Amino acid sequence: MQRFLTTLKFTDQGIQHIKDTCRRTDAFKEAARQMGARVRDIYWTLGSFDGIAIIDAPDEETATAVMLYVGSKGSVQTQTCRAYTATEIQDVLAKLPE
């Protein structure tokens, strides 16, 4: 599984229905599971972003589908990046020419 970090920012719709955020999160986790991904954790945050999600997916296509799904619901905007473990980045660095 590949790991992805996603920042979340509430839309006007999302903040207007803030009391539903935990229910929406549960639905998001279930939808991701049905697509073959796993939402490891979601944190609500202060500052530039309203939340951060940590997602495991088998590939970038699945992660993209998960993010398109959550974005299509209209409550959050996302920015997603691939996260590498130390072992994974060592494999990447091994490909660099001397």
N, C-alpha and C. Protein backbone atom coordinates (compact mmCIF):
# COMPACT_ATOMS: atom_id res chain seq x y z
N MET A 1 0.84 -1.19 0.00
CA MET A 1 0.00 0.00 0.00
C MET A 1 0.88 1.25 0.00
N GLN A 2 0.44 2.23 -0.71
CA GLN A 2 1.10 3.52 -0.71
C GLN A 2 0.36 4.44 0.26
N ARG A 3 1.10 5.37 0.85
CA ARG A 3 0.50 6.29 1.81
C ARG A 3 0.37 7.67 1.17
N PHE A 4 -0.76 8.32 1.47
CA PHE A 4 -1.03 9.65 0.96
C PHE A 4 -1.47 10.54 2.12
N LEU A 5 -0.98 11.78 2.11
CA LEU A 5 -1.37 12.79 3.10
C LEU A 5 -2.23 13.81 2.37
N THR A 6 -3.36 14.13 2.95
CA THR A 6 -4.29 15.05 2.32
C THR A 6 -4.64 16.16 3.29
N THR A 7 -4.49 17.39 2.83
CA THR A 7 -4.98 18.50 3.63
C THR A 7 -6.42 18.78 3.22
N LEU A 8 -7.21 19.17 4.20
CA LEU A 8 -8.63 19.42 3.99
C LEU A 8 -8.96 20.85 4.38
N LYS A 9 -9.78 21.49 3.58
CA LYS A 9 -10.25 22.84 3.88
C LYS A 9 -11.75 22.85 3.66
N PHE A 10 -12.49 23.26 4.70
CA PHE A 10 -13.95 23.28 4.58
C PHE A 10 -14.39 24.29 3.52
N THR A 11 -15.37 23.89 2.75
CA THR A 11 -16.05 24.82 1.84
C THR A 11 -17.12 25.55 2.65
N ASP A 12 -17.80 26.49 2.02
CA ASP A 12 -18.91 27.16 2.70
C ASP A 12 -19.95 26.13 3.15
N GLN A 13 -20.23 25.17 2.28
CA GLN A 13 -21.19 24.11 2.62
C GLN A 13 -20.71 23.30 3.82
N GLY A 14 -19.44 22.96 3.83
CA GLY A 14 -18.89 22.17 4.92
C GLY A 14 -18.96 22.87 6.26
N ILE A 15 -18.65 24.16 6.27
CA ILE A 15 -18.67 24.89 7.54
C ILE A 15 -20.11 25.17 7.98
N GLN A 16 -21.03 25.34 7.02
CA GLN A 16 -22.44 25.55 7.39
C GLN A 16 -23.03 24.31 8.07
N HIS A 17 -22.49 23.16 7.72
CA HIS A 17 -22.98 21.89 8.29
C HIS A 17 -21.90 21.22 9.12
N ILE A 18 -21.16 22.03 9.88
CA ILE A 18 -20.02 21.53 10.65
C ILE A 18 -20.41 20.45 11.65
N LYS A 19 -21.61 20.52 12.18
CA LYS A 19 -22.02 19.52 13.18
C LYS A 19 -22.12 18.12 12.58
N ASP A 20 -22.13 18.01 11.26
CA ASP A 20 -22.19 16.71 10.58
C ASP A 20 -20.80 16.18 10.23
N THR A 21 -19.75 16.87 10.62
CA THR A 21 -18.41 16.50 10.16
C THR A 21 -18.01 15.08 10.55
N CYS A 22 -18.35 14.63 11.73
CA CYS A 22 -17.99 13.26 12.14
C CYS A 22 -18.79 12.22 11.35
N ARG A 23 -20.05 12.50 11.10
CA ARG A 23 -20.87 11.60 10.30
C ARG A 23 -20.32 11.53 8.87
N ARG A 24 -19.94 12.68 8.31
CA ARG A 24 -19.36 12.70 6.96
C ARG A 24 -18.05 11.92 6.92
N THR A 25 -17.27 12.04 7.99
CA THR A 25 -16.00 11.31 8.06
C THR A 25 -16.23 9.81 8.06
N ASP A 26 -17.21 9.35 8.80
CA ASP A 26 -17.52 7.91 8.81
C ASP A 26 -17.94 7.43 7.42
N ALA A 27 -18.74 8.22 6.73
CA ALA A 27 -19.17 7.86 5.37
C ALA A 27 -17.98 7.84 4.42
N PHE A 28 -17.07 8.80 4.59
CA PHE A 28 -15.86 8.86 3.77
C PHE A 28 -15.00 7.63 3.98
N LYS A 29 -14.81 7.23 5.23
CA LYS A 29 -14.01 6.04 5.53
C LYS A 29 -14.61 4.80 4.88
N GLU A 30 -15.92 4.67 4.94
CA GLU A 30 -16.59 3.51 4.35
C GLU A 30 -16.46 3.52 2.82
N ALA A 31 -16.65 4.67 2.21
CA ALA A 31 -16.51 4.77 0.75
C ALA A 31 -15.09 4.43 0.32
N ALA A 32 -14.09 4.93 1.05
CA ALA A 32 -12.70 4.62 0.73
C ALA A 32 -12.45 3.12 0.83
N ARG A 33 -13.01 2.50 1.87
CA ARG A 33 -12.85 1.05 2.05
C ARG A 33 -13.44 0.30 0.86
N GLN A 34 -14.60 0.74 0.40
CA GLN A 34 -15.24 0.09 -0.74
C GLN A 34 -14.42 0.24 -2.01
N MET A 35 -13.62 1.30 -2.10
CA MET A 35 -12.76 1.52 -3.27
C MET A 35 -11.40 0.83 -3.13
N GLY A 36 -11.17 0.18 -1.99
CA GLY A 36 -9.91 -0.54 -1.80
C GLY A 36 -8.84 0.24 -1.06
N ALA A 37 -9.22 1.36 -0.46
CA ALA A 37 -8.28 2.19 0.30
C ALA A 37 -8.66 2.14 1.78
N ARG A 38 -7.78 2.69 2.60
CA ARG A 38 -8.03 2.75 4.04
C ARG A 38 -7.70 4.15 4.55
N VAL A 39 -8.65 4.76 5.20
CA VAL A 39 -8.39 6.04 5.87
C VAL A 39 -7.82 5.69 7.24
N ARG A 40 -6.52 5.88 7.40
CA ARG A 40 -5.85 5.54 8.65
C ARG A 40 -6.28 6.46 9.78
N ASP A 41 -6.30 7.75 9.48
CA ASP A 41 -6.65 8.75 10.49
C ASP A 41 -7.11 10.02 9.83
N ILE A 42 -7.93 10.74 10.54
CA ILE A 42 -8.31 12.10 10.16
C ILE A 42 -8.16 12.96 11.40
N TYR A 43 -7.52 14.11 11.22
CA TYR A 43 -7.33 15.07 12.31
C TYR A 43 -7.97 16.39 11.91
N TRP A 44 -8.70 16.98 12.82
CA TRP A 44 -9.21 18.33 12.63
C TRP A 44 -8.13 19.25 13.19
N THR A 45 -7.80 20.30 12.44
CA THR A 45 -6.65 21.13 12.80
C THR A 45 -7.01 22.61 12.84
N LEU A 46 -6.14 23.37 13.45
CA LEU A 46 -6.23 24.83 13.46
C LEU A 46 -5.16 25.36 12.52
N GLY A 47 -5.37 26.53 11.96
CA GLY A 47 -4.35 27.13 11.11
C GLY A 47 -4.81 27.18 9.66
N SER A 48 -3.87 27.00 8.75
CA SER A 48 -4.14 27.14 7.32
C SER A 48 -5.12 26.10 6.78
N PHE A 49 -5.15 24.93 7.41
CA PHE A 49 -6.04 23.86 6.96
C PHE A 49 -6.98 23.47 8.09
N ASP A 50 -8.12 22.93 7.72
CA ASP A 50 -9.11 22.51 8.72
C ASP A 50 -8.95 21.06 9.12
N GLY A 51 -8.16 20.32 8.35
CA GLY A 51 -7.95 18.92 8.69
C GLY A 51 -6.87 18.28 7.86
N ILE A 52 -6.46 17.11 8.30
CA ILE A 52 -5.48 16.30 7.59
C ILE A 52 -5.97 14.85 7.62
N ALA A 53 -5.91 14.19 6.48
CA ALA A 53 -6.27 12.78 6.40
C ALA A 53 -5.05 11.99 5.97
N ILE A 54 -4.88 10.83 6.56
CA ILE A 54 -3.81 9.90 6.19
C ILE A 54 -4.48 8.68 5.59
N ILE A 55 -4.14 8.41 4.34
CA ILE A 55 -4.85 7.38 3.57
C ILE A 55 -3.85 6.40 2.98
N ASP A 56 -4.16 5.12 3.07
CA ASP A 56 -3.39 4.08 2.40
C ASP A 56 -4.21 3.60 1.22
N ALA A 57 -3.57 3.51 0.06
CA ALA A 57 -4.24 3.04 -1.15
C ALA A 57 -3.26 2.17 -1.93
N PRO A 58 -3.76 1.22 -2.71
CA PRO A 58 -2.87 0.34 -3.45
C PRO A 58 -2.10 1.04 -4.56
N ASP A 59 -2.64 2.17 -5.05
CA ASP A 59 -1.99 2.88 -6.16
C ASP A 59 -2.53 4.30 -6.23
N GLU A 60 -1.91 5.11 -7.09
CA GLU A 60 -2.32 6.51 -7.22
C GLU A 60 -3.71 6.65 -7.82
N GLU A 61 -4.10 5.72 -8.69
CA GLU A 61 -5.43 5.79 -9.29
C GLU A 61 -6.51 5.64 -8.22
N THR A 62 -6.31 4.71 -7.31
CA THR A 62 -7.29 4.51 -6.23
C THR A 62 -7.33 5.73 -5.32
N ALA A 63 -6.16 6.25 -4.97
CA ALA A 63 -6.12 7.45 -4.13
C ALA A 63 -6.82 8.62 -4.82
N THR A 64 -6.63 8.74 -6.11
CA THR A 64 -7.29 9.81 -6.87
C THR A 64 -8.80 9.63 -6.83
N ALA A 65 -9.27 8.40 -7.01
CA ALA A 65 -10.71 8.13 -6.96
C ALA A 65 -11.28 8.51 -5.59
N VAL A 66 -10.55 8.17 -4.54
CA VAL A 66 -11.00 8.50 -3.18
C VAL A 66 -11.11 10.02 -3.01
N MET A 67 -10.10 10.75 -3.48
CA MET A 67 -10.13 12.21 -3.34
C MET A 67 -11.20 12.85 -4.21
N LEU A 68 -11.41 12.31 -5.41
CA LEU A 68 -12.49 12.83 -6.26
C LEU A 68 -13.84 12.60 -5.60
N TYR A 69 -13.99 11.44 -4.97
CA TYR A 69 -15.24 11.13 -4.27
C TYR A 69 -15.51 12.15 -3.16
N VAL A 70 -14.52 12.34 -2.29
CA VAL A 70 -14.75 13.25 -1.15
C VAL A 70 -14.96 14.68 -1.64
N GLY A 71 -14.22 15.09 -2.66
CA GLY A 71 -14.41 16.43 -3.20
C GLY A 71 -15.77 16.62 -3.84
N SER A 72 -16.30 15.57 -4.45
CA SER A 72 -17.60 15.66 -5.13
C SER A 72 -18.76 15.87 -4.15
N LYS A 73 -18.54 15.59 -2.89
CA LYS A 73 -19.59 15.76 -1.88
C LYS A 73 -19.78 17.22 -1.49
N GLY A 74 -18.79 18.07 -1.79
CA GLY A 74 -18.95 19.51 -1.63
C GLY A 74 -18.61 20.12 -0.29
N SER A 75 -18.18 19.32 0.68
CA SER A 75 -17.91 19.88 2.01
C SER A 75 -16.47 20.27 2.24
N VAL A 76 -15.55 19.68 1.47
CA VAL A 76 -14.12 20.00 1.63
C VAL A 76 -13.44 20.11 0.28
N GLN A 77 -12.36 20.88 0.28
CA GLN A 77 -11.41 20.90 -0.83
C GLN A 77 -10.16 20.20 -0.33
N THR A 78 -9.48 19.48 -1.20
CA THR A 78 -8.33 18.69 -0.77
C THR A 78 -7.09 19.03 -1.58
N GLN A 79 -5.95 18.76 -0.96
CA GLN A 79 -4.65 18.73 -1.63
C GLN A 79 -3.95 17.48 -1.12
N THR A 80 -3.50 16.65 -2.03
CA THR A 80 -2.96 15.35 -1.66
C THR A 80 -1.54 15.19 -2.16
N CYS A 81 -0.71 14.57 -1.34
CA CYS A 81 0.65 14.25 -1.77
C CYS A 81 0.99 12.82 -1.35
N ARG A 82 1.89 12.22 -2.07
CA ARG A 82 2.37 10.87 -1.78
C ARG A 82 3.39 10.99 -0.66
N ALA A 83 3.30 10.12 0.32
CA ALA A 83 4.25 10.10 1.44
C ALA A 83 5.08 8.82 1.33
N TYR A 84 6.38 8.95 1.58
CA TYR A 84 7.30 7.81 1.49
C TYR A 84 7.88 7.49 2.86
N THR A 85 7.98 6.22 3.17
CA THR A 85 8.68 5.79 4.39
C THR A 85 10.18 5.87 4.11
N ALA A 86 10.98 5.71 5.15
CA ALA A 86 12.43 5.72 4.97
C ALA A 86 12.87 4.62 4.01
N THR A 87 12.29 3.45 4.13
CA THR A 87 12.64 2.34 3.23
C THR A 87 12.26 2.67 1.79
N GLU A 88 11.08 3.24 1.59
CA GLU A 88 10.64 3.59 0.24
C GLU A 88 11.53 4.66 -0.39
N ILE A 89 11.91 5.66 0.38
CA ILE A 89 12.75 6.72 -0.19
C ILE A 89 14.15 6.20 -0.48
N GLN A 90 14.62 5.22 0.30
CA GLN A 90 15.92 4.60 0.00
C GLN A 90 15.88 3.93 -1.37
N ASP A 91 14.78 3.26 -1.69
CA ASP A 91 14.62 2.63 -3.00
C ASP A 91 14.64 3.68 -4.11
N VAL A 92 14.01 4.82 -3.86
CA VAL A 92 14.01 5.90 -4.85
C VAL A 92 15.43 6.43 -5.02
N LEU A 93 16.11 6.68 -3.91
CA LEU A 93 17.46 7.23 -3.98
C LEU A 93 18.44 6.27 -4.65
N ALA A 94 18.20 4.98 -4.52
CA ALA A 94 19.07 4.00 -5.16
C ALA A 94 19.03 4.10 -6.69
N LYS A 95 18.00 4.72 -7.23
CA LYS A 95 17.89 4.86 -8.68
C LYS A 95 18.68 6.04 -9.23
N LEU A 96 19.16 6.92 -8.35
CA LEU A 96 19.91 8.09 -8.79
C LEU A 96 21.28 7.68 -9.31
N PRO A 97 21.72 8.30 -10.41
CA PRO A 97 23.06 7.97 -10.91
C PRO A 97 24.14 8.52 -9.97
N GLU A 98 25.27 7.89 -10.00
CA GLU A 98 26.40 8.34 -9.16
C GLU A 98 26.96 9.64 -9.65
